[in-house]
């Protein structure tokens, strides 16, 4: 298992949810130092902790454990951003994106 990837994955998902290490530790019922060690790749989480993290991050366990391509990561980030929007904000965002699409094509 690539502990460095797992640590980076935990950090990335935590930051996407705008959580501190202390807040994540509280949700996991562990110490903030343990979360730090997980993110550094010096500790491996138990299966129960891994399952809880996946639930908190709204991702599959496999996405925490194995590298994915950038489009999957970007898709997860977009999904997390959209969760916090109201229906009106989503509609407005769709209009903005439709206007930008011709300029995004490479």
PDB file of N, CA and C in Angstrom:
ATOM      1  N   UNK A   1       0.845  -1.177   0.000  1.00  0.00           N
ATOM      2  CA  UNK A   1       0.000   0.000   0.000  1.00  0.00           C
ATOM      3  C   UNK A   1       0.889   1.238   0.000  1.00  0.00           C
ATOM      4  N   UNK A   2       0.522   2.216  -0.801  1.00  0.00           N
ATOM      5  CA  UNK A   2       1.273   3.449  -0.901  1.00  0.00           C
ATOM      6  C   UNK A   2       0.797   4.415   0.186  1.00  0.00           C
ATOM      7  N   UNK A   3       1.517   4.451   1.313  1.00  0.00           N
ATOM      8  CA  UNK A   3       1.092   5.295   2.437  1.00  0.00           C
ATOM      9  C   UNK A   3       1.198   6.776   2.108  1.00  0.00           C
ATOM     10  N   UNK A   4       2.123   7.121   1.228  1.00  0.00           N
ATOM     11  CA  UNK A   4       2.268   8.520   0.825  1.00  0.00           C
ATOM     12  C   UNK A   4       1.024   8.964   0.042  1.00  0.00           C
ATOM     13  N   UNK A   5       0.563   8.118  -0.884  1.00  0.00           N
ATOM     14  CA  UNK A   5      -0.646   8.465  -1.637  1.00  0.00           C
ATOM     15  C   UNK A   5      -1.837   8.569  -0.697  1.00  0.00           C
ATOM     16  N   UNK A   6      -1.976   7.605   0.203  1.00  0.00           N
ATOM     17  CA  UNK A   6      -3.097   7.622   1.144  1.00  0.00           C
ATOM     18  C   UNK A   6      -3.081   8.908   1.969  1.00  0.00           C
ATOM     19  N   UNK A   7      -1.915   9.288   2.470  1.00  0.00           N
ATOM     20  CA  UNK A   7      -1.801  10.508   3.255  1.00  0.00           C
ATOM     21  C   UNK A   7      -2.204  11.737   2.461  1.00  0.00           C
ATOM     22  N   UNK A   8      -1.725  11.814   1.219  1.00  0.00           N
ATOM     23  CA  UNK A   8      -2.089  12.943   0.362  1.00  0.00           C
ATOM     24  C   UNK A   8      -3.579  12.945   0.052  1.00  0.00           C
ATOM     25  N   UNK A   9      -4.134  11.776  -0.134  1.00  0.00           N
ATOM     26  CA  UNK A   9      -5.564  11.651  -0.411  1.00  0.00           C
ATOM     27  C   UNK A   9      -6.399  12.128   0.781  1.00  0.00           C
ATOM     28  N   UNK A  10      -5.989  11.746   1.968  1.00  0.00           N
ATOM     29  CA  UNK A  10      -6.693  12.181   3.183  1.00  0.00           C
ATOM     30  C   UNK A  10      -6.620  13.701   3.301  1.00  0.00           C
ATOM     31  N   UNK A  11      -5.434  14.244   3.111  1.00  0.00           N
ATOM     32  CA  UNK A  11      -5.242  15.696   3.204  1.00  0.00           C
ATOM     33  C   UNK A  11      -6.096  16.429   2.164  1.00  0.00           C
ATOM     34  N   UNK A  12      -6.050  15.964   0.916  1.00  0.00           N
ATOM     35  CA  UNK A  12      -6.808  16.603  -0.170  1.00  0.00           C
ATOM     36  C   UNK A  12      -8.309  16.586   0.120  1.00  0.00           C
ATOM     37  N   UNK A  13      -8.822  15.444   0.532  1.00  0.00           N
ATOM     38  CA  UNK A  13     -10.254  15.339   0.824  1.00  0.00           C
ATOM     39  C   UNK A  13     -10.643  16.185   2.034  1.00  0.00           C
ATOM     40  N   UNK A  14      -9.785  16.213   3.042  1.00  0.00           N
ATOM     41  CA  UNK A  14     -10.057  17.034   4.230  1.00  0.00           C
ATOM     42  C   UNK A  14     -10.144  18.504   3.848  1.00  0.00           C
ATOM     43  N   UNK A  15      -9.202  18.941   3.032  1.00  0.00           N
ATOM     44  CA  UNK A  15      -9.179  20.346   2.626  1.00  0.00           C
ATOM     45  C   UNK A  15     -10.348  20.696   1.714  1.00  0.00           C
ATOM     46  N   UNK A  16     -10.784  19.743   0.875  1.00  0.00           N
ATOM     47  CA  UNK A  16     -11.942  20.005   0.013  1.00  0.00           C
ATOM     48  C   UNK A  16     -13.190  20.259   0.846  1.00  0.00           C
ATOM     49  N   UNK A  17     -13.257  19.640   2.020  1.00  0.00           N
ATOM     50  CA  UNK A  17     -14.400  19.854   2.914  1.00  0.00           C
ATOM     51  C   UNK A  17     -14.144  21.001   3.891  1.00  0.00           C
ATOM     52  N   UNK A  18     -12.998  21.652   3.722  1.00  0.00           N
ATOM     53  CA  UNK A  18     -12.619  22.788   4.569  1.00  0.00           C
ATOM     54  C   UNK A  18     -12.596  22.402   6.044  1.00  0.00           C
ATOM     55  N   UNK A  19     -12.012  21.225   6.320  1.00  0.00           N
ATOM     56  CA  UNK A  19     -11.864  20.746   7.695  1.00  0.00           C
ATOM     57  C   UNK A  19     -10.423  20.909   8.145  1.00  0.00           C
ATOM     58  N   UNK A  20     -10.226  21.241   9.402  1.00  0.00           N
ATOM     59  CA  UNK A  20      -8.885  21.229   9.988  1.00  0.00           C
ATOM     60  C   UNK A  20      -8.570  19.794  10.398  1.00  0.00           C
ATOM     61  N   UNK A  21      -7.301  19.542  10.702  1.00  0.00           N
ATOM     62  CA  UNK A  21      -6.936  18.220  11.211  1.00  0.00           C
ATOM     63  C   UNK A  21      -7.671  17.940  12.518  1.00  0.00           C
ATOM     64  N   UNK A  22      -7.836  18.965  13.326  1.00  0.00           N
ATOM     65  CA  UNK A  22      -8.528  18.808  14.609  1.00  0.00           C
ATOM     66  C   UNK A  22     -10.002  18.438  14.401  1.00  0.00           C
ATOM     67  N   UNK A  23     -10.635  19.080  13.433  1.00  0.00           N
ATOM     68  CA  UNK A  23     -12.048  18.779  13.165  1.00  0.00           C
ATOM     69  C   UNK A  23     -12.214  17.362  12.632  1.00  0.00           C
ATOM     70  N   UNK A  24     -11.333  16.957  11.723  1.00  0.00           N
ATOM     71  CA  UNK A  24     -11.394  15.591  11.205  1.00  0.00           C
ATOM     72  C   UNK A  24     -11.148  14.595  12.328  1.00  0.00           C
ATOM     73  N   UNK A  25     -10.185  14.888  13.184  1.00  0.00           N
ATOM     74  CA  UNK A  25      -9.893  13.997  14.308  1.00  0.00           C
ATOM     75  C   UNK A  25     -11.122  13.827  15.193  1.00  0.00           C
ATOM     76  N   UNK A  26     -11.839  14.911  15.427  1.00  0.00           N
ATOM     77  CA  UNK A  26     -13.044  14.836  16.256  1.00  0.00           C
ATOM     78  C   UNK A  26     -14.103  13.953  15.595  1.00  0.00           C
ATOM     79  N   UNK A  27     -14.272  14.108  14.285  1.00  0.00           N
ATOM     80  CA  UNK A  27     -15.249  13.282  13.564  1.00  0.00           C
ATOM     81  C   UNK A  27     -14.864  11.804  13.578  1.00  0.00           C
ATOM     82  N   UNK A  28     -13.562  11.539  13.573  1.00  0.00           N
ATOM     83  CA  UNK A  28     -13.065  10.160  13.572  1.00  0.00           C
ATOM     84  C   UNK A  28     -12.897   9.586  14.971  1.00  0.00           C
ATOM     85  N   UNK A  29     -13.012  10.443  15.982  1.00  0.00           N
ATOM     86  CA  UNK A  29     -12.800  10.057  17.376  1.00  0.00           C
ATOM     87  C   UNK A  29     -11.368   9.548  17.580  1.00  0.00           C
ATOM     88  N   UNK A  30     -10.424  10.319  17.028  1.00  0.00           N
ATOM     89  CA  UNK A  30      -8.999  10.037  17.196  1.00  0.00           C
ATOM     90  C   UNK A  30      -8.310  11.353  17.552  1.00  0.00           C
ATOM     91  N   UNK A  31      -7.013  11.299  17.824  1.00  0.00           N
ATOM     92  CA  UNK A  31      -6.278  12.519  18.144  1.00  0.00           C
ATOM     93  C   UNK A  31      -5.895  13.265  16.863  1.00  0.00           C
ATOM     94  N   UNK A  32      -5.695  14.552  16.996  1.00  0.00           N
ATOM     95  CA  UNK A  32      -5.271  15.343  15.838  1.00  0.00           C
ATOM     96  C   UNK A  32      -3.857  14.933  15.408  1.00  0.00           C
ATOM     97  N   UNK A  33      -3.038  14.498  16.347  1.00  0.00           N
ATOM     98  CA  UNK A  33      -1.705  14.024  16.001  1.00  0.00           C
ATOM     99  C   UNK A  33      -1.787  12.769  15.129  1.00  0.00           C
ATOM    100  N   UNK A  34      -2.753  11.918  15.397  1.00  0.00           N
ATOM    101  CA  UNK A  34      -2.944  10.708  14.587  1.00  0.00           C
ATOM    102  C   UNK A  34      -3.326  11.098  13.159  1.00  0.00           C
ATOM    103  N   UNK A  35      -4.200  12.093  13.006  1.00  0.00           N
ATOM    104  CA  UNK A  35      -4.566  12.561  11.668  1.00  0.00           C
ATOM    105  C   UNK A  35      -3.323  13.108  10.966  1.00  0.00           C
ATOM    106  N   UNK A  36      -2.512  13.857  11.701  1.00  0.00           N
ATOM    107  CA  UNK A  36      -1.256  14.366  11.151  1.00  0.00           C
ATOM    108  C   UNK A  36      -0.387  13.204  10.652  1.00  0.00           C
ATOM    109  N   UNK A  37      -0.253  12.167  11.461  1.00  0.00           N
ATOM    110  CA  UNK A  37       0.566  11.012  11.080  1.00  0.00           C
ATOM    111  C   UNK A  37      -0.013  10.294   9.858  1.00  0.00           C
ATOM    112  N   UNK A  38      -1.334  10.206   9.773  1.00  0.00           N
ATOM    113  CA  UNK A  38      -1.960   9.604   8.593  1.00  0.00           C
ATOM    114  C   UNK A  38      -1.617  10.408   7.349  1.00  0.00           C
ATOM    115  N   UNK A  39      -1.736  11.724   7.453  1.00  0.00           N
ATOM    116  CA  UNK A  39      -1.464  12.587   6.306  1.00  0.00           C
ATOM    117  C   UNK A  39       0.014  12.570   5.918  1.00  0.00           C
ATOM    118  N   UNK A  40       0.889  12.352   6.873  1.00  0.00           N
ATOM    119  CA  UNK A  40       2.326  12.261   6.591  1.00  0.00           C
ATOM    120  C   UNK A  40       2.704  10.897   6.011  1.00  0.00           C
ATOM    121  N   UNK A  41       1.801   9.937   6.116  1.00  0.00           N
ATOM    122  CA  UNK A  41       2.072   8.599   5.612  1.00  0.00           C
ATOM    123  C   UNK A  41       2.891   7.751   6.563  1.00  0.00           C
ATOM    124  N   UNK A  42       2.972   8.156   7.837  1.00  0.00           N
ATOM    125  CA  UNK A  42       3.748   7.382   8.803  1.00  0.00           C
ATOM    126  C   UNK A  42       2.891   6.385   9.580  1.00  0.00           C
ATOM    127  N   UNK A  43       1.579   6.520   9.483  1.00  0.00           N
ATOM    128  CA  UNK A  43       0.643   5.577  10.125  1.00  0.00           C
ATOM    129  C   UNK A  43      -0.380   5.128   9.097  1.00  0.00           C
ATOM    130  N   UNK A  44      -0.892   3.931   9.298  1.00  0.00           N
ATOM    131  CA  UNK A  44      -1.996   3.415   8.482  1.00  0.00           C
ATOM    132  C   UNK A  44      -3.250   3.382   9.338  1.00  0.00           C
ATOM    133  N   UNK A  45      -4.381   3.792   8.780  1.00  0.00           N
ATOM    134  CA  UNK A  45      -5.612   3.750   9.567  1.00  0.00           C
ATOM    135  C   UNK A  45      -6.138   2.324   9.674  1.00  0.00           C
ATOM    136  N   UNK A  46      -6.911   2.096  10.717  1.00  0.00           N
ATOM    137  CA  UNK A  46      -7.607   0.809  10.831  1.00  0.00           C
ATOM    138  C   UNK A  46      -8.692   0.779   9.757  1.00  0.00           C
ATOM    139  N   UNK A  47      -9.214  -0.396   9.503  1.00  0.00           N
ATOM    140  CA  UNK A  47     -10.291  -0.522   8.519  1.00  0.00           C
ATOM    141  C   UNK A  47     -11.496   0.313   8.940  1.00  0.00           C
ATOM    142  N   UNK A  48     -11.821   0.297  10.217  1.00  0.00           N
ATOM    143  CA  UNK A  48     -12.967   1.079  10.711  1.00  0.00           C
ATOM    144  C   UNK A  48     -12.748   2.575  10.473  1.00  0.00           C
ATOM    145  N   UNK A  49     -11.537   3.064  10.725  1.00  0.00           N
ATOM    146  CA  UNK A  49     -11.231   4.474  10.502  1.00  0.00           C
ATOM    147  C   UNK A  49     -11.278   4.805   9.016  1.00  0.00           C
ATOM    148  N   UNK A  50     -10.785   3.918   8.194  1.00  0.00           N
ATOM    149  CA  UNK A  50     -10.813   4.111   6.748  1.00  0.00           C
ATOM    150  C   UNK A  50     -12.252   4.204   6.234  1.00  0.00           C
ATOM    151  N   UNK A  51     -13.109   3.334   6.729  1.00  0.00           N
ATOM    152  CA  UNK A  51     -14.526   3.351   6.333  1.00  0.00           C
ATOM    153  C   UNK A  51     -15.176   4.661   6.770  1.00  0.00           C
ATOM    154  N   UNK A  52     -14.906   5.086   7.991  1.00  0.00           N
ATOM    155  CA  UNK A  52     -15.480   6.335   8.493  1.00  0.00           C
ATOM    156  C   UNK A  52     -14.987   7.525   7.680  1.00  0.00           C
ATOM    157  N   UNK A  53     -13.692   7.545   7.340  1.00  0.00           N
ATOM    158  CA  UNK A  53     -13.158   8.633   6.517  1.00  0.00           C
ATOM    159  C   UNK A  53     -13.843   8.679   5.157  1.00  0.00           C
ATOM    160  N   UNK A  54     -14.018   7.530   4.543  1.00  0.00           N
ATOM    161  CA  UNK A  54     -14.683   7.485   3.239  1.00  0.00           C
ATOM    162  C   UNK A  54     -16.110   8.037   3.343  1.00  0.00           C
ATOM    163  N   UNK A  55     -16.796   7.722   4.423  1.00  0.00           N
ATOM    164  CA  UNK A  55     -18.149   8.249   4.632  1.00  0.00           C
ATOM    165  C   UNK A  55     -18.126   9.762   4.823  1.00  0.00           C
ATOM    166  N   UNK A  56     -17.188  10.254   5.612  1.00  0.00           N
ATOM    167  CA  UNK A  56     -17.068  11.697   5.851  1.00  0.00           C
ATOM    168  C   UNK A  56     -16.770  12.433   4.547  1.00  0.00           C
ATOM    169  N   UNK A  57     -15.863  11.864   3.737  1.00  0.00           N
ATOM    170  CA  UNK A  57     -15.442  12.501   2.498  1.00  0.00           C
ATOM    171  C   UNK A  57     -16.396  12.236   1.332  1.00  0.00           C
ATOM    172  N   UNK A  58     -17.369  11.342   1.537  1.00  0.00           N
ATOM    173  CA  UNK A  58     -18.326  10.971   0.478  1.00  0.00           C
ATOM    174  C   UNK A  58     -17.601  10.399  -0.741  1.00  0.00           C
ATOM    175  N   UNK A  59     -16.646   9.517  -0.471  1.00  0.00           N
ATOM    176  CA  UNK A  59     -15.900   8.850  -1.541  1.00  0.00           C
ATOM    177  C   UNK A  59     -15.830   7.359  -1.223  1.00  0.00           C
ATOM    178  N   UNK A  60     -15.447   6.583  -2.206  1.00  0.00           N
ATOM    179  CA  UNK A  60     -15.232   5.163  -1.975  1.00  0.00           C
ATOM    180  C   UNK A  60     -13.868   4.931  -1.343  1.00  0.00           C
ATOM    181  N   UNK A  61     -13.750   3.853  -0.607  1.00  0.00           N
ATOM    182  CA  UNK A  61     -12.467   3.517   0.018  1.00  0.00           C
ATOM    183  C   UNK A  61     -11.381   3.393  -1.041  1.00  0.00           C
ATOM    184  N   UNK A  62     -11.720   2.837  -2.191  1.00  0.00           N
ATOM    185  CA  UNK A  62     -10.726   2.661  -3.254  1.00  0.00           C
ATOM    186  C   UNK A  62     -10.125   3.980  -3.696  1.00  0.00           C
ATOM    187  N   UNK A  63     -10.919   5.050  -3.675  1.00  0.00           N
ATOM    188  CA  UNK A  63     -10.375   6.343  -4.103  1.00  0.00           C
ATOM    189  C   UNK A  63      -9.391   6.911  -3.085  1.00  0.00           C
ATOM    190  N   UNK A  64      -9.507   6.499  -1.836  1.00  0.00           N
ATOM    191  CA  UNK A  64      -8.535   6.923  -0.834  1.00  0.00           C
ATOM    192  C   UNK A  64      -7.231   6.138  -0.958  1.00  0.00           C
ATOM    193  N   UNK A  65      -7.339   4.897  -1.406  1.00  0.00           N
ATOM    194  CA  UNK A  65      -6.180   3.998  -1.405  1.00  0.00           C
ATOM    195  C   UNK A  65      -5.364   3.992  -2.678  1.00  0.00           C
ATOM    196  N   UNK A  66      -5.979   4.237  -3.823  1.00  0.00           N
ATOM    197  CA  UNK A  66      -5.240   4.067  -5.071  1.00  0.00           C
ATOM    198  C   UNK A  66      -5.289   5.315  -5.932  1.00  0.00           C
ATOM    199  N   UNK A  67      -4.183   5.583  -6.616  1.00  0.00           N
ATOM    200  CA  UNK A  67      -4.129   6.760  -7.490  1.00  0.00           C
ATOM    201  C   UNK A  67      -5.165   6.687  -8.600  1.00  0.00           C
ATOM    202  N   UNK A  68      -5.697   7.847  -8.893  1.00  0.00           N
ATOM    203  CA  UNK A  68      -6.649   7.970  -9.990  1.00  0.00           C
ATOM    204  C   UNK A  68      -6.144   9.066 -10.904  1.00  0.00           C
ATOM    205  N   UNK A  69      -6.752   9.165 -12.062  1.00  0.00           N
ATOM    206  CA  UNK A  69      -6.321  10.227 -12.961  1.00  0.00           C
ATOM    207  C   UNK A  69      -6.871  11.577 -12.490  1.00  0.00           C
ATOM    208  N   UNK A  70      -6.326  12.641 -13.033  1.00  0.00           N
ATOM    209  CA  UNK A  70      -6.697  13.990 -12.605  1.00  0.00           C
ATOM    210  C   UNK A  70      -8.158  14.310 -12.844  1.00  0.00           C
ATOM    211  N   UNK A  71      -8.768  13.699 -13.868  1.00  0.00           N
ATOM    212  CA  UNK A  71     -10.168  14.001 -14.136  1.00  0.00           C
ATOM    213  C   UNK A  71     -11.061  13.479 -13.019  1.00  0.00           C
ATOM    214  N   UNK A  72     -10.702  12.352 -12.422  1.00  0.00           N
ATOM    215  CA  UNK A  72     -11.489  11.830 -11.300  1.00  0.00           C
ATOM    216  C   UNK A  72     -11.374  12.738 -10.089  1.00  0.00           C
ATOM    217  N   UNK A  73     -10.170  13.207  -9.831  1.00  0.00           N
ATOM    218  CA  UNK A  73      -9.949  14.103  -8.693  1.00  0.00           C
ATOM    219  C   UNK A  73     -10.708  15.401  -8.912  1.00  0.00           C
ATOM    220  N   UNK A  74     -10.625  15.949 -10.127  1.00  0.00           N
ATOM    221  CA  UNK A  74     -11.338  17.180 -10.440  1.00  0.00           C
ATOM    222  C   UNK A  74     -12.847  16.971 -10.326  1.00  0.00           C
ATOM    223  N   UNK A  75     -13.322  15.817 -10.741  1.00  0.00           N
ATOM    224  CA  UNK A  75     -14.753  15.514 -10.633  1.00  0.00           C
ATOM    225  C   UNK A  75     -15.207  15.478  -9.182  1.00  0.00           C
ATOM    226  N   UNK A  76     -14.397  14.887  -8.317  1.00  0.00           N
ATOM    227  CA  UNK A  76     -14.725  14.854  -6.892  1.00  0.00           C
ATOM    228  C   UNK A  76     -14.758  16.266  -6.317  1.00  0.00           C
ATOM    229  N   UNK A  77     -13.788  17.076  -6.718  1.00  0.00           N
ATOM    230  CA  UNK A  77     -13.728  18.440  -6.205  1.00  0.00           C
ATOM    231  C   UNK A  77     -14.943  19.246  -6.670  1.00  0.00           C
ATOM    232  N   UNK A  78     -15.313  19.093  -7.936  1.00  0.00           N
ATOM    233  CA  UNK A  78     -16.504  19.784  -8.441  1.00  0.00           C
ATOM    234  C   UNK A  78     -17.762  19.326  -7.713  1.00  0.00           C
ATOM    235  N   UNK A  79     -17.873  18.035  -7.480  1.00  0.00           N
ATOM    236  CA  UNK A  79     -19.032  17.501  -6.780  1.00  0.00           C
ATOM    237  C   UNK A  79     -19.145  18.105  -5.382  1.00  0.00           C
ATOM    238  N   UNK A  80     -18.024  18.201  -4.679  1.00  0.00           N
ATOM    239  CA  UNK A  80     -18.040  18.785  -3.334  1.00  0.00           C
ATOM    240  C   UNK A  80     -18.408  20.264  -3.372  1.00  0.00           C
ATOM    241  N   UNK A  81     -17.938  20.976  -4.389  1.00  0.00           N
ATOM    242  CA  UNK A  81     -18.291  22.395  -4.520  1.00  0.00           C
ATOM    243  C   UNK A  81     -19.781  22.572  -4.800  1.00  0.00           C
ATOM    244  N   UNK A  82     -20.331  21.713  -5.632  1.00  0.00           N
ATOM    245  CA  UNK A  82     -21.743  21.824  -5.999  1.00  0.00           C
ATOM    246  C   UNK A  82     -22.684  21.498  -4.853  1.00  0.00           C
ATOM    247  N   UNK A  83     -22.255  20.659  -3.935  1.00  0.00           N
ATOM    248  CA  UNK A  83     -23.111  20.261  -2.818  1.00  0.00           C
ATOM    249  C   UNK A  83     -23.569  21.454  -1.997  1.00  0.00           C
ATOM    250  N   UNK A  84     -22.737  22.481  -1.904  1.00  0.00           N
ATOM    251  CA  UNK A  84     -23.064  23.618  -1.061  1.00  0.00           C
ATOM    252  C   UNK A  84     -23.883  24.698  -1.753  1.00  0.00           C
ATOM    253  N   UNK A  85     -24.224  24.499  -3.022  1.00  0.00           N
ATOM    254  CA  UNK A  85     -24.952  25.524  -3.762  1.00  0.00           C
ATOM    255  C   UNK A  85     -26.460  25.323  -3.694  1.00  0.00           C
ATOM    256  N   UNK A  86     -27.174  26.435  -3.697  1.00  0.00           N
ATOM    257  CA  UNK A  86     -28.636  26.391  -3.777  1.00  0.00           C
ATOM    258  C   UNK A  86     -29.020  26.087  -5.221  1.00  0.00           C
ATOM    259  N   UNK A  87     -30.268  25.693  -5.471  1.00  0.00           N
ATOM    260  CA  UNK A  87     -30.695  25.462  -6.860  1.00  0.00           C
ATOM    261  C   UNK A  87     -30.503  26.693  -7.747  1.00  0.00           C
ATOM    262  N   UNK A  88     -30.774  27.879  -7.225  1.00  0.00           N
ATOM    263  CA  UNK A  88     -30.579  29.101  -8.020  1.00  0.00           C
ATOM    264  C   UNK A  88     -29.108  29.325  -8.343  1.00  0.00           C
ATOM    265  N   UNK A  89     -28.231  29.050  -7.372  1.00  0.00           N
ATOM    266  CA  UNK A  89     -26.799  29.200  -7.608  1.00  0.00           C
ATOM    267  C   UNK A  89     -26.312  28.195  -8.648  1.00  0.00           C
ATOM    268  N   UNK A  90     -26.854  26.993  -8.609  1.00  0.00           N
ATOM    269  CA  UNK A  90     -26.479  25.980  -9.610  1.00  0.00           C
ATOM    270  C   UNK A  90     -26.899  26.421 -11.005  1.00  0.00           C
ATOM    271  N   UNK A  91     -28.103  26.978 -11.120  1.00  0.00           N
ATOM    272  CA  UNK A  91     -28.589  27.462 -12.404  1.00  0.00           C
ATOM    273  C   UNK A  91     -27.681  28.569 -12.932  1.00  0.00           C
ATOM    274  N   UNK A  92     -27.322  29.501 -12.058  1.00  0.00           N
ATOM    275  CA  UNK A  92     -26.427  30.582 -12.458  1.00  0.00           C
ATOM    276  C   UNK A  92     -25.067  30.068 -12.884  1.00  0.00           C
ATOM    277  N   UNK A  93     -24.555  29.103 -12.152  1.00  0.00           N
ATOM    278  CA  UNK A  93     -23.261  28.519 -12.481  1.00  0.00           C
ATOM    279  C   UNK A  93     -23.310  27.819 -13.839  1.00  0.00           C
ATOM    280  N   UNK A  94     -24.390  27.134 -14.117  1.00  0.00           N
ATOM    281  CA  UNK A  94     -24.546  26.471 -15.422  1.00  0.00           C
ATOM    282  C   UNK A  94     -24.494  27.496 -16.550  1.00  0.00           C
ATOM    283  N   UNK A  95     -25.148  28.637 -16.368  1.00  0.00           N
ATOM    284  CA  UNK A  95     -25.118  29.695 -17.394  1.00  0.00           C
ATOM    285  C   UNK A  95     -23.690  30.200 -17.608  1.00  0.00           C
ATOM    286  N   UNK A  96     -22.972  30.407 -16.521  1.00  0.00           N
ATOM    287  CA  UNK A  96     -21.589  30.884 -16.622  1.00  0.00           C
ATOM    288  C   UNK A  96     -20.735  29.851 -17.347  1.00  0.00           C
ATOM    289  N   UNK A  97     -20.877  28.577 -16.966  1.00  0.00           N
ATOM    290  CA  UNK A  97     -20.076  27.524 -17.597  1.00  0.00           C
ATOM    291  C   UNK A  97     -20.379  27.394 -19.083  1.00  0.00           C
ATOM    292  N   UNK A  98     -21.643  27.505 -19.449  1.00  0.00           N
ATOM    293  CA  UNK A  98     -22.006  27.436 -20.873  1.00  0.00           C
ATOM    294  C   UNK A  98     -21.335  28.559 -21.656  1.00  0.00           C
ATOM    295  N   UNK A  99     -21.236  29.728 -21.051  1.00  0.00           N
ATOM    296  CA  UNK A  99     -20.556  30.839 -21.708  1.00  0.00           C
ATOM    297  C   UNK A  99     -19.055  30.626 -21.824  1.00  0.00           C
ATOM    298  N   UNK A 100     -18.478  29.918 -20.867  1.00  0.00           N
ATOM    299  CA  UNK A 100     -17.037  29.686 -20.873  1.00  0.00           C
ATOM    300  C   UNK A 100     -16.607  28.501 -21.747  1.00  0.00           C
ATOM    301  N   UNK A 101     -17.511  27.585 -21.997  1.00  0.00           N
ATOM    302  CA  UNK A 101     -17.151  26.338 -22.687  1.00  0.00           C
ATOM    303  C   UNK A 101     -16.392  26.546 -24.007  1.00  0.00           C
ATOM    304  N   UNK A 102     -16.799  27.460 -24.863  1.00  0.00           N
ATOM    305  CA  UNK A 102     -16.035  27.610 -26.110  1.00  0.00           C
ATOM    306  C   UNK A 102     -14.570  27.999 -25.871  1.00  0.00           C
ATOM    307  N   UNK A 103     -14.307  28.700 -24.794  1.00  0.00           N
ATOM    308  CA  UNK A 103     -12.939  29.127 -24.488  1.00  0.00           C
ATOM    309  C   UNK A 103     -12.118  28.049 -23.800  1.00  0.00           C
ATOM    310  N   UNK A 104     -12.762  27.010 -23.283  1.00  0.00           N
ATOM    311  CA  UNK A 104     -12.058  25.940 -22.572  1.00  0.00           C
ATOM    312  C   UNK A 104     -11.561  24.849 -23.510  1.00  0.00           C
ATOM    313  N   UNK A 105     -12.101  24.772 -24.699  1.00  0.00           N
ATOM    314  CA  UNK A 105     -11.713  23.724 -25.637  1.00  0.00           C
ATOM    315  C   UNK A 105     -10.294  23.969 -26.134  1.00  0.00           C
ATOM    316  N   UNK A 106      -9.479  22.929 -26.026  1.00  0.00           N
ATOM    317  CA  UNK A 106      -8.074  23.054 -26.472  1.00  0.00           C
ATOM    318  C   UNK A 106      -7.868  22.372 -27.800  1.00  0.00           C
TER     319      UNK A 106
END
